[in-house]
Amino acid sequence: VYIAEFGNNRVRVVTPDGRIGTLVSGLSDPTALAVDTQGNLLIAECPAGGRNGRITRFDVNTRQLSRIAGGGTALGAMAENRPATQAQLSCPT
């Protein structure tokens, strides 16, 4: 089980034997979680104020974080057909 801790800026994990631990820290107000087809964790972040949100991938094999969308400066229609990392997202979930 994965838990997004919005106020503590981290993702926690509950193991099958019921223990809890920190999986990822140093995030910016995580709001939602998903798992991709490779088993990597996708994390929606909503920094204070709701602007400049992003989607971050946590690679379960390398334990590395990488931004896959958001965090950019292009708003609305200006972001169309650009790389996803150039878009400005408003609190993605």
N, C-alpha and C. Protein backbone atom coordinates (compact mmCIF):
# COMPACT_ATOMS: atom_id res chain seq x y z
N VAL A 1 0.85 -1.17 0.00
CA VAL A 1 0.00 0.00 0.00
C VAL A 1 0.90 1.23 0.00
N TYR A 2 0.60 2.18 -0.91
CA TYR A 2 1.32 3.45 -0.96
C TYR A 2 0.43 4.55 -0.39
N ILE A 3 1.04 5.48 0.33
CA ILE A 3 0.31 6.59 0.95
C ILE A 3 1.00 7.90 0.58
N ALA A 4 0.25 8.84 -0.02
CA ALA A 4 0.78 10.18 -0.30
C ALA A 4 0.55 11.03 0.94
N GLU A 5 1.62 11.52 1.53
CA GLU A 5 1.50 12.39 2.70
C GLU A 5 1.70 13.84 2.25
N PHE A 6 0.59 14.49 1.97
CA PHE A 6 0.58 15.85 1.44
C PHE A 6 1.38 16.81 2.30
N GLY A 7 1.07 16.89 3.56
CA GLY A 7 1.72 17.86 4.45
C GLY A 7 3.15 17.52 4.81
N ASN A 8 3.53 16.27 4.67
CA ASN A 8 4.89 15.85 5.03
C ASN A 8 5.80 15.66 3.83
N ASN A 9 5.27 15.91 2.63
CA ASN A 9 6.07 15.90 1.40
C ASN A 9 6.80 14.59 1.15
N ARG A 10 6.07 13.49 1.34
CA ARG A 10 6.68 12.18 1.11
C ARG A 10 5.63 11.15 0.74
N VAL A 11 6.12 10.01 0.27
CA VAL A 11 5.27 8.86 0.01
C VAL A 11 5.71 7.76 0.96
N ARG A 12 4.73 7.18 1.65
CA ARG A 12 5.00 6.10 2.58
C ARG A 12 4.55 4.79 1.95
N VAL A 13 5.08 3.69 2.45
CA VAL A 13 4.69 2.37 1.99
C VAL A 13 4.38 1.50 3.21
N VAL A 14 3.31 0.73 3.09
CA VAL A 14 2.98 -0.25 4.11
C VAL A 14 3.28 -1.62 3.51
N THR A 15 4.16 -2.36 4.15
CA THR A 15 4.58 -3.66 3.64
C THR A 15 3.52 -4.73 3.93
N PRO A 16 3.61 -5.87 3.27
CA PRO A 16 2.64 -6.93 3.50
C PRO A 16 2.56 -7.38 4.97
N ASP A 17 3.64 -7.22 5.72
CA ASP A 17 3.61 -7.61 7.13
C ASP A 17 3.15 -6.47 8.05
N GLY A 18 2.66 -5.35 7.44
CA GLY A 18 2.06 -4.26 8.22
C GLY A 18 3.00 -3.19 8.71
N ARG A 19 4.23 -3.20 8.25
CA ARG A 19 5.19 -2.16 8.68
C ARG A 19 5.11 -0.97 7.72
N ILE A 20 5.34 0.23 8.28
CA ILE A 20 5.30 1.45 7.47
C ILE A 20 6.69 2.04 7.37
N GLY A 21 7.00 2.62 6.23
CA GLY A 21 8.29 3.27 6.03
C GLY A 21 8.17 4.33 4.95
N THR A 22 9.17 5.17 4.87
CA THR A 22 9.20 6.21 3.85
C THR A 22 9.83 5.65 2.59
N LEU A 23 9.12 5.77 1.48
CA LEU A 23 9.62 5.30 0.19
C LEU A 23 10.31 6.43 -0.56
N VAL A 24 9.66 7.62 -0.59
CA VAL A 24 10.18 8.79 -1.31
C VAL A 24 9.98 10.01 -0.42
N SER A 25 11.01 10.84 -0.30
CA SER A 25 10.87 12.09 0.45
C SER A 25 11.34 13.24 -0.42
N GLY A 26 11.17 14.47 0.06
CA GLY A 26 11.61 15.64 -0.68
C GLY A 26 10.67 16.04 -1.80
N LEU A 27 9.42 15.59 -1.73
CA LEU A 27 8.43 15.95 -2.75
C LEU A 27 7.81 17.29 -2.41
N SER A 28 6.92 17.76 -3.26
CA SER A 28 6.25 19.03 -3.05
C SER A 28 4.74 18.79 -2.98
N ASP A 29 4.27 18.46 -1.78
CA ASP A 29 2.86 18.23 -1.53
C ASP A 29 2.23 17.20 -2.47
N PRO A 30 2.60 15.91 -2.34
CA PRO A 30 2.01 14.88 -3.19
C PRO A 30 0.51 14.74 -2.93
N THR A 31 -0.26 14.64 -4.00
CA THR A 31 -1.72 14.58 -3.87
C THR A 31 -2.35 13.29 -4.37
N ALA A 32 -1.69 12.59 -5.29
CA ALA A 32 -2.26 11.37 -5.86
C ALA A 32 -1.15 10.45 -6.32
N LEU A 33 -1.47 9.17 -6.37
CA LEU A 33 -0.49 8.16 -6.76
C LEU A 33 -1.10 7.21 -7.78
N ALA A 34 -0.25 6.67 -8.64
CA ALA A 34 -0.64 5.63 -9.59
C ALA A 34 0.59 4.77 -9.85
N VAL A 35 0.37 3.60 -10.40
CA VAL A 35 1.46 2.70 -10.75
C VAL A 35 1.38 2.45 -12.25
N ASP A 36 2.53 2.59 -12.96
CA ASP A 36 2.52 2.37 -14.41
C ASP A 36 2.70 0.88 -14.71
N THR A 37 2.73 0.53 -15.98
CA THR A 37 2.79 -0.88 -16.39
C THR A 37 4.10 -1.56 -16.02
N GLN A 38 5.15 -0.78 -15.74
CA GLN A 38 6.43 -1.35 -15.31
C GLN A 38 6.54 -1.43 -13.79
N GLY A 39 5.50 -1.01 -13.09
CA GLY A 39 5.51 -1.04 -11.64
C GLY A 39 6.10 0.19 -10.99
N ASN A 40 6.42 1.21 -11.80
CA ASN A 40 6.95 2.46 -11.25
C ASN A 40 5.82 3.28 -10.65
N LEU A 41 6.14 4.06 -9.66
CA LEU A 41 5.16 4.89 -8.97
C LEU A 41 5.09 6.26 -9.62
N LEU A 42 3.89 6.70 -10.00
CA LEU A 42 3.67 8.03 -10.55
C LEU A 42 3.06 8.88 -9.45
N ILE A 43 3.65 10.05 -9.23
CA ILE A 43 3.27 10.90 -8.10
C ILE A 43 2.83 12.26 -8.62
N ALA A 44 1.58 12.64 -8.31
CA ALA A 44 1.10 13.98 -8.64
C ALA A 44 1.47 14.90 -7.48
N GLU A 45 2.13 16.02 -7.82
CA GLU A 45 2.54 16.99 -6.80
C GLU A 45 1.82 18.31 -7.03
N CYS A 46 1.41 18.94 -5.93
CA CYS A 46 0.70 20.21 -6.00
C CYS A 46 1.35 21.19 -5.03
N PRO A 47 2.42 21.89 -5.49
CA PRO A 47 3.09 22.84 -4.59
C PRO A 47 2.13 23.89 -4.04
N ALA A 48 2.49 24.48 -2.92
CA ALA A 48 1.67 25.51 -2.29
C ALA A 48 1.19 26.53 -3.31
N GLY A 49 -0.06 26.87 -3.24
CA GLY A 49 -0.64 27.84 -4.16
C GLY A 49 -1.26 27.19 -5.38
N GLY A 50 -0.99 25.92 -5.60
CA GLY A 50 -1.63 25.19 -6.69
C GLY A 50 -1.03 25.39 -8.06
N ARG A 51 -0.04 26.23 -8.19
CA ARG A 51 0.57 26.47 -9.50
C ARG A 51 1.80 25.59 -9.67
N ASN A 52 2.14 25.38 -10.90
CA ASN A 52 3.36 24.66 -11.25
C ASN A 52 3.40 23.24 -10.68
N GLY A 53 2.24 22.57 -10.73
CA GLY A 53 2.18 21.17 -10.33
C GLY A 53 2.95 20.31 -11.31
N ARG A 54 3.18 19.08 -10.93
CA ARG A 54 3.95 18.19 -11.80
C ARG A 54 3.61 16.73 -11.52
N ILE A 55 3.98 15.89 -12.46
CA ILE A 55 3.89 14.44 -12.31
C ILE A 55 5.33 13.93 -12.29
N THR A 56 5.66 13.20 -11.26
CA THR A 56 7.01 12.67 -11.08
C THR A 56 6.95 11.15 -11.09
N ARG A 57 7.93 10.53 -11.73
CA ARG A 57 8.02 9.06 -11.73
C ARG A 57 9.12 8.63 -10.75
N PHE A 58 8.78 7.65 -9.91
CA PHE A 58 9.76 7.02 -9.04
C PHE A 58 10.03 5.65 -9.61
N ASP A 59 11.25 5.45 -10.11
CA ASP A 59 11.65 4.18 -10.70
C ASP A 59 11.94 3.18 -9.58
N VAL A 60 11.16 2.12 -9.52
CA VAL A 60 11.31 1.16 -8.42
C VAL A 60 12.61 0.38 -8.48
N ASN A 61 13.21 0.29 -9.66
CA ASN A 61 14.47 -0.45 -9.79
C ASN A 61 15.68 0.40 -9.43
N THR A 62 15.73 1.64 -9.95
CA THR A 62 16.88 2.50 -9.70
C THR A 62 16.68 3.42 -8.50
N ARG A 63 15.41 3.54 -8.04
CA ARG A 63 15.03 4.43 -6.93
C ARG A 63 15.29 5.90 -7.27
N GLN A 64 15.25 6.22 -8.56
CA GLN A 64 15.46 7.59 -9.03
C GLN A 64 14.13 8.27 -9.32
N LEU A 65 14.08 9.58 -9.09
CA LEU A 65 12.92 10.40 -9.44
C LEU A 65 13.18 11.11 -10.76
N SER A 66 12.14 11.22 -11.59
CA SER A 66 12.25 12.01 -12.82
C SER A 66 10.90 12.67 -13.10
N ARG A 67 10.96 13.91 -13.51
CA ARG A 67 9.73 14.64 -13.84
C ARG A 67 9.29 14.22 -15.23
N ILE A 68 8.00 13.87 -15.37
CA ILE A 68 7.50 13.47 -16.68
C ILE A 68 6.48 14.44 -17.25
N ALA A 69 5.93 15.31 -16.40
CA ALA A 69 4.98 16.33 -16.89
C ALA A 69 4.92 17.46 -15.87
N GLY A 70 4.63 18.67 -16.37
CA GLY A 70 4.48 19.83 -15.51
C GLY A 70 5.81 20.43 -15.10
N GLY A 71 5.70 21.46 -14.26
CA GLY A 71 6.89 22.13 -13.78
C GLY A 71 7.43 23.18 -14.74
N GLY A 72 6.73 23.39 -15.85
CA GLY A 72 7.18 24.35 -16.85
C GLY A 72 6.47 25.69 -16.73
N THR A 73 6.53 26.47 -17.79
CA THR A 73 5.95 27.81 -17.77
C THR A 73 4.84 28.02 -18.80
N ALA A 74 4.62 27.04 -19.69
CA ALA A 74 3.61 27.20 -20.74
C ALA A 74 2.22 26.93 -20.17
N LEU A 75 1.32 27.90 -20.30
CA LEU A 75 -0.04 27.79 -19.78
C LEU A 75 -1.03 27.41 -20.87
N GLY A 76 -2.04 26.63 -20.49
CA GLY A 76 -3.17 26.34 -21.36
C GLY A 76 -2.80 25.98 -22.77
N ALA A 77 -3.37 26.72 -23.74
CA ALA A 77 -3.16 26.44 -25.16
C ALA A 77 -1.69 26.61 -25.56
N MET A 78 -0.95 27.42 -24.82
CA MET A 78 0.47 27.61 -25.14
C MET A 78 1.27 26.33 -24.91
N ALA A 79 0.74 25.41 -24.12
CA ALA A 79 1.44 24.17 -23.82
C ALA A 79 1.12 23.06 -24.83
N GLU A 80 0.11 23.28 -25.67
CA GLU A 80 -0.28 22.24 -26.63
C GLU A 80 0.87 21.90 -27.57
N ASN A 81 1.06 20.61 -27.80
CA ASN A 81 2.07 20.07 -28.72
C ASN A 81 3.51 20.39 -28.32
N ARG A 82 3.73 20.70 -27.07
CA ARG A 82 5.08 20.90 -26.53
C ARG A 82 5.43 19.70 -25.66
N PRO A 83 6.70 19.54 -25.31
CA PRO A 83 7.04 18.48 -24.35
C PRO A 83 6.25 18.67 -23.05
N ALA A 84 5.80 17.58 -22.47
CA ALA A 84 4.97 17.65 -21.27
C ALA A 84 5.65 18.38 -20.12
N THR A 85 6.98 18.35 -20.07
CA THR A 85 7.71 19.02 -18.98
C THR A 85 7.73 20.53 -19.13
N GLN A 86 7.26 21.05 -20.25
CA GLN A 86 7.19 22.50 -20.45
C GLN A 86 5.83 23.07 -20.03
N ALA A 87 4.89 22.19 -19.75
CA ALA A 87 3.53 22.64 -19.37
C ALA A 87 3.49 23.05 -17.91
N GLN A 88 2.63 24.02 -17.63
CA GLN A 88 2.36 24.41 -16.25
C GLN A 88 1.04 23.75 -15.88
N LEU A 89 1.07 22.88 -14.88
CA LEU A 89 -0.12 22.15 -14.46
C LEU A 89 -0.65 22.73 -13.14
N SER A 90 -1.95 22.78 -13.03
CA SER A 90 -2.58 23.30 -11.82
C SER A 90 -3.10 22.12 -10.98
N CYS A 91 -2.36 21.78 -9.95
CA CYS A 91 -2.70 20.69 -9.03
C CYS A 91 -3.20 19.43 -9.75
N PRO A 92 -2.32 18.74 -10.47
CA PRO A 92 -2.75 17.50 -11.13
C PRO A 92 -3.11 16.43 -10.10
N THR A 93 -4.04 15.58 -10.47
CA THR A 93 -4.40 14.44 -9.59
C THR A 93 -4.50 13.19 -10.42
